[in-house]
Protein backbone atom coordinates (compact mmCIF):
# COMPACT_ATOMS: atom_id res chain seq x y z
CA MET A 1 83.43 83.88 107.37
CA SER A 2 85.91 86.23 107.40
CA CYS A 3 86.60 89.24 105.52
CA TRP A 4 89.57 91.09 104.72
CA ASN A 5 90.67 94.38 103.04
CA ALA A 6 93.47 92.83 100.40
CA GLY A 7 95.24 96.01 100.55
CA GLU A 8 95.85 96.54 103.99
CA GLY A 9 94.83 92.79 105.11
CA ASP A 10 93.22 93.18 108.34
CA GLY A 11 90.80 90.43 109.29
CA ILE A 12 87.28 90.94 109.77
CA GLU A 13 85.09 88.06 111.11
CA ALA A 14 82.23 88.41 109.21
CA GLY A 15 78.87 88.17 110.72
CA GLN A 16 79.91 89.38 115.08
CA GLN A 17 78.36 92.11 114.11
CA GLY A 18 74.90 93.62 112.78
CA GLY A 19 71.28 92.11 112.15
CA GLY A 20 72.66 88.69 110.88
CA ALA A 21 72.49 86.86 107.26
CA ALA A 22 69.15 86.91 107.65
CA GLY A 23 68.69 90.37 108.14
CA ARG A 24 70.83 90.98 105.14
CA VAL A 25 69.27 88.35 102.66
CA GLY A 26 66.01 90.16 102.58
CA SER A 27 67.41 93.44 100.97
CA VAL A 28 69.99 91.61 98.22
CA ARG A 29 68.69 90.92 95.19
CA GLY A 30 69.97 88.07 92.22
CA ALA A 31 71.81 88.59 88.63
CA ILE A 32 72.13 86.46 86.30
CA LEU A 33 75.08 87.11 84.05
CA ALA A 34 74.47 86.34 80.46
CA GLY A 35 78.04 86.87 79.06
CA GLY A 36 80.80 85.41 77.07
CA ALA A 37 80.96 85.07 72.98
CA ALA A 38 80.39 81.02 73.82
CA THR A 39 82.98 80.14 71.13
CA ARG A 40 83.27 76.07 72.41
CA PHE A 41 79.76 76.28 72.22
CA GLY A 42 79.01 77.08 68.85
CA GLY A 43 78.25 80.94 69.72
CA LYS A 44 75.07 79.41 71.00
CA PRO A 45 73.14 81.32 74.30
CA LYS A 46 74.13 78.26 76.62
CA GLY A 47 71.61 79.60 79.05
CA LEU A 48 69.28 78.48 77.11
CA GLU A 49 70.25 74.94 76.76
CA GLN A 50 68.14 72.24 78.95
CA VAL A 51 69.60 70.32 81.40
CA GLY A 52 66.90 67.66 83.17
CA GLY A 53 64.51 69.23 81.26
CA GLU A 54 64.44 72.58 82.16
CA ARG A 55 66.97 75.35 80.84
CA ILE A 56 69.25 76.75 82.47
CA LEU A 57 68.19 80.23 82.22
CA ASP A 58 65.07 78.54 83.79
CA ARG A 59 66.49 76.59 87.06
CA LEU A 60 68.50 79.90 88.32
CA ALA A 61 65.67 81.93 88.09
CA ARG A 62 63.82 79.95 89.94
CA ILE A 63 66.82 79.29 92.48
CA LEU A 64 67.69 83.15 92.73
CA THR A 65 63.75 84.01 93.44
CA GLY A 66 63.23 80.86 95.70
CA ALA A 67 66.68 82.09 98.05
CA LEU A 68 65.31 86.40 97.17
CA GLY A 69 62.39 86.44 97.04
CA GLU A 70 62.57 88.58 94.06
CA PRO A 71 63.47 87.79 90.29
CA PRO A 72 66.22 87.89 89.15
CA LEU A 73 68.32 91.02 87.10
CA LEU A 74 69.28 89.49 83.49
CA VAL A 75 72.18 91.06 82.27
CA ALA A 76 72.70 90.22 78.56
CA ASN A 77 73.86 91.69 75.15
CA ALA A 78 72.69 89.51 73.15
CA PRO A 79 70.08 90.89 70.58
CA GLY A 80 66.79 89.88 71.57
CA ALA A 81 67.57 88.99 75.40
CA ALA A 82 64.73 90.24 76.26
CA ALA A 83 62.43 87.98 74.87
CA TRP A 84 64.30 85.27 76.72
CA ARG A 85 62.48 85.96 80.18
CA PRO A 86 59.80 88.19 79.08
CA ASP A 87 59.22 88.54 82.70
CA LEU A 88 62.64 89.43 83.44
CA ARG A 89 64.31 92.92 83.66
CA THR A 90 67.35 92.28 80.99
CA VAL A 91 69.94 95.02 80.69
CA ALA A 92 73.55 95.44 78.58
CA ASP A 93 76.36 95.60 79.78
CA VAL A 94 76.81 99.40 81.15
CA ARG A 95 80.17 99.47 79.77
CA PRO A 96 80.52 97.02 76.75
CA GLY A 97 83.51 94.58 75.93
CA PHE A 98 84.57 94.45 79.43
CA GLY A 99 83.68 90.27 79.88
CA ALA A 100 83.10 88.98 83.21
CA LEU A 101 84.44 91.71 84.99
CA GLY A 102 81.93 94.06 82.82
CA GLY A 103 79.28 91.84 83.59
CA ILE A 104 79.34 92.05 87.00
CA TYR A 105 79.92 95.64 87.13
CA THR A 106 76.60 95.98 85.44
CA ALA A 107 74.50 94.23 88.03
CA VAL A 108 76.22 95.97 90.85
CA LEU A 109 75.18 99.43 89.53
CA GLU A 110 71.61 98.02 88.06
CA SER A 111 70.51 95.35 90.65
CA PRO A 112 71.65 97.73 91.95
CA ALA A 113 74.19 96.54 94.66
CA PRO A 114 73.80 94.44 97.04
CA VAL A 115 73.20 91.64 94.21
CA VAL A 116 74.41 88.20 94.50
CA CYS A 117 75.73 87.43 90.36
CA VAL A 118 75.67 83.37 88.52
CA ALA A 119 77.23 82.74 85.66
CA TRP A 120 73.73 81.40 83.19
CA ASP A 121 75.92 78.29 82.52
CA MET A 122 75.91 77.09 86.00
CA PRO A 123 72.76 74.50 86.66
CA PHE A 124 73.23 73.35 89.87
CA VAL A 125 73.39 76.29 91.64
CA SER A 126 71.31 76.18 95.05
CA GLU A 127 69.12 78.15 96.95
CA SER A 128 71.36 77.31 100.50
CA LEU A 129 74.79 78.67 98.55
CA ILE A 130 72.64 81.74 97.69
CA HIS A 131 71.63 82.45 101.21
CA ALA A 132 75.20 82.10 102.76
CA LEU A 133 76.60 84.38 100.15
CA ALA A 134 74.06 86.98 100.27
CA GLY A 135 74.29 86.61 104.37
CA GLY A 136 78.17 87.39 104.27
CA LEU A 137 77.37 90.62 102.95
CA GLU A 138 76.46 92.22 106.29
CA ARG A 139 79.64 92.81 106.49
CA CYS A 140 81.54 92.23 103.48
CA ASP A 141 82.19 94.16 100.50
CA ALA A 142 82.12 91.08 98.24
CA MET A 143 81.49 87.26 99.55
CA LEU A 144 82.70 84.87 96.89
CA PRO A 145 82.50 80.87 97.40
CA GLN A 146 86.03 79.24 97.85
CA SER A 147 86.39 76.03 95.58
CA ASP A 148 88.82 73.67 93.65
CA GLY A 149 89.10 76.34 90.63
CA ARG A 150 91.77 77.63 89.06
CA ARG A 151 91.78 81.34 90.98
CA GLY A 152 90.26 79.24 94.48
CA VAL A 153 87.26 81.39 94.55
CA GLU A 154 83.95 81.86 92.35
CA PRO A 155 83.71 85.35 90.87
CA LEU A 156 81.17 84.74 88.62
CA CYS A 157 78.92 82.74 91.73
CA ALA A 158 79.16 85.60 94.15
CA ALA A 159 77.82 88.69 96.33
CA TYR A 160 78.88 92.19 95.16
CA GLY A 161 77.66 94.91 97.72
CA PRO A 162 77.63 98.77 96.32
CA ALA A 163 81.81 99.32 97.21
CA CYS A 164 82.46 97.31 94.25
CA GLY A 165 80.52 100.00 91.36
CA GLU A 166 83.28 101.93 92.55
CA ALA A 167 86.35 99.76 92.72
CA ILE A 168 85.21 98.13 89.73
CA ALA A 169 85.25 101.02 87.85
CA ALA A 170 88.54 101.82 89.41
CA SER A 171 89.68 98.25 87.77
CA LEU A 172 88.55 99.30 84.27
CA ALA A 173 90.05 102.52 84.14
CA ALA A 174 93.37 100.75 84.83
CA GLY A 175 92.69 98.40 82.51
CA ASP A 176 92.88 95.42 84.56
CA LEU A 177 89.90 92.97 83.68
CA ARG A 178 90.19 90.40 85.95
CA ALA A 179 87.18 88.80 87.76
CA ILE A 180 89.50 89.70 91.05
CA GLY A 181 90.77 92.68 90.10
CA PHE A 182 89.54 95.15 92.33
CA HIS A 183 89.68 93.04 95.48
CA ASP A 184 92.41 95.11 96.90
CA ARG A 185 89.92 98.35 97.03
CA ILE A 186 87.28 96.41 98.94
CA ARG A 187 86.72 94.10 102.23
CA VAL A 188 86.36 90.81 100.26
CA GLY A 189 84.67 87.64 102.62
CA ILE A 190 85.31 84.04 101.79
CA LEU A 191 83.13 81.46 102.39
CA PRO A 192 85.66 78.27 102.78
CA LEU A 193 85.93 75.14 101.18
CA GLU A 194 84.64 72.77 104.54
CA GLN A 195 81.62 75.58 104.88
CA VAL A 196 80.49 75.04 100.57
CA ARG A 197 80.47 71.42 101.29
CA THR A 198 78.25 71.21 104.10
CA LEU A 199 76.04 72.27 101.10
CA ALA A 200 76.12 70.38 98.53
CA ASP A 201 79.77 68.93 96.40
CA PRO A 202 81.41 72.11 95.05
CA ASP A 203 82.55 69.75 91.87
CA LEU A 204 78.51 70.08 91.17
CA LEU A 205 77.77 73.42 92.67
CA PHE A 206 80.44 75.41 90.48
CA PHE A 207 79.90 72.95 87.24
CA ASN A 208 79.60 74.49 84.40
CA VAL A 209 78.73 74.27 80.74
CA ASN A 210 80.95 75.19 78.52
CA THR A 211 81.25 72.90 75.23
CA ALA A 212 78.67 70.01 73.92
CA ASP A 213 79.90 67.81 76.54
CA ASP A 214 79.91 69.70 79.11
CA LEU A 215 76.14 69.86 78.71
CA ALA A 216 75.66 65.97 78.21
CA LYS A 217 77.50 65.74 81.72
CA ALA A 218 75.60 68.23 82.94
CA ASP A 219 72.45 65.84 82.38
CA GLN A 220 73.97 62.75 83.29
CA LEU A 221 74.68 64.56 86.60
CA TRP A 222 71.00 66.28 86.86
CA ARG A 223 69.84 62.48 86.74
CA GLN A 224 72.22 60.71 88.94
CA HIS A 225 71.21 63.77 91.64
CA ALA A 226 67.26 63.45 90.76
CA SER A 227 67.65 59.45 91.47
CA SER A 228 69.54 59.77 94.83
CA PRO A 229 67.73 59.15 97.97
């Protein structure tokens, strides 16, 4: 893994100094981002749907707690969201109306950072991936996994350190709402795709539920992997 300041281009090898991933993981919190209007899902709260007989929200809470040792923060703007998981601390966006970046910003401020953020429509994120992302914050301000997605990385399944707060605030002030738009202000680390593949199939890890068809496919994928030796 490596991290760099995108504005300066100076490469830094992650994990060469400091306490290593194991030391960092113990101080990292988790956050579940329950944002988005879910227009392709009929406006229903996607994370309350079940995959493999378990709500996606409940599975993510279990995975993040298992990986990081503490229950995650739930970032949600919906009325009544606190009742979805009364055992979790639920907060609304500190700056509403700024989309996914606003959710990340809220998690960074309210958790407080360092924090691993996961969108609540990603049912197959694993503890091993959470560990790898959290460990990258030993040397970087943000750690994102590489993927075959349109951005090449997954900002809604990523780890963010305290420096991201000021950087995101600057992007919001400039009207740049891209989830990766603040990266030129911080040291960004990338978990290479080949390393992601050692944890699980990236297409499975980063699968997200946007439609009813996606939900049916997720349940099918769960059954296939649950029956695998």
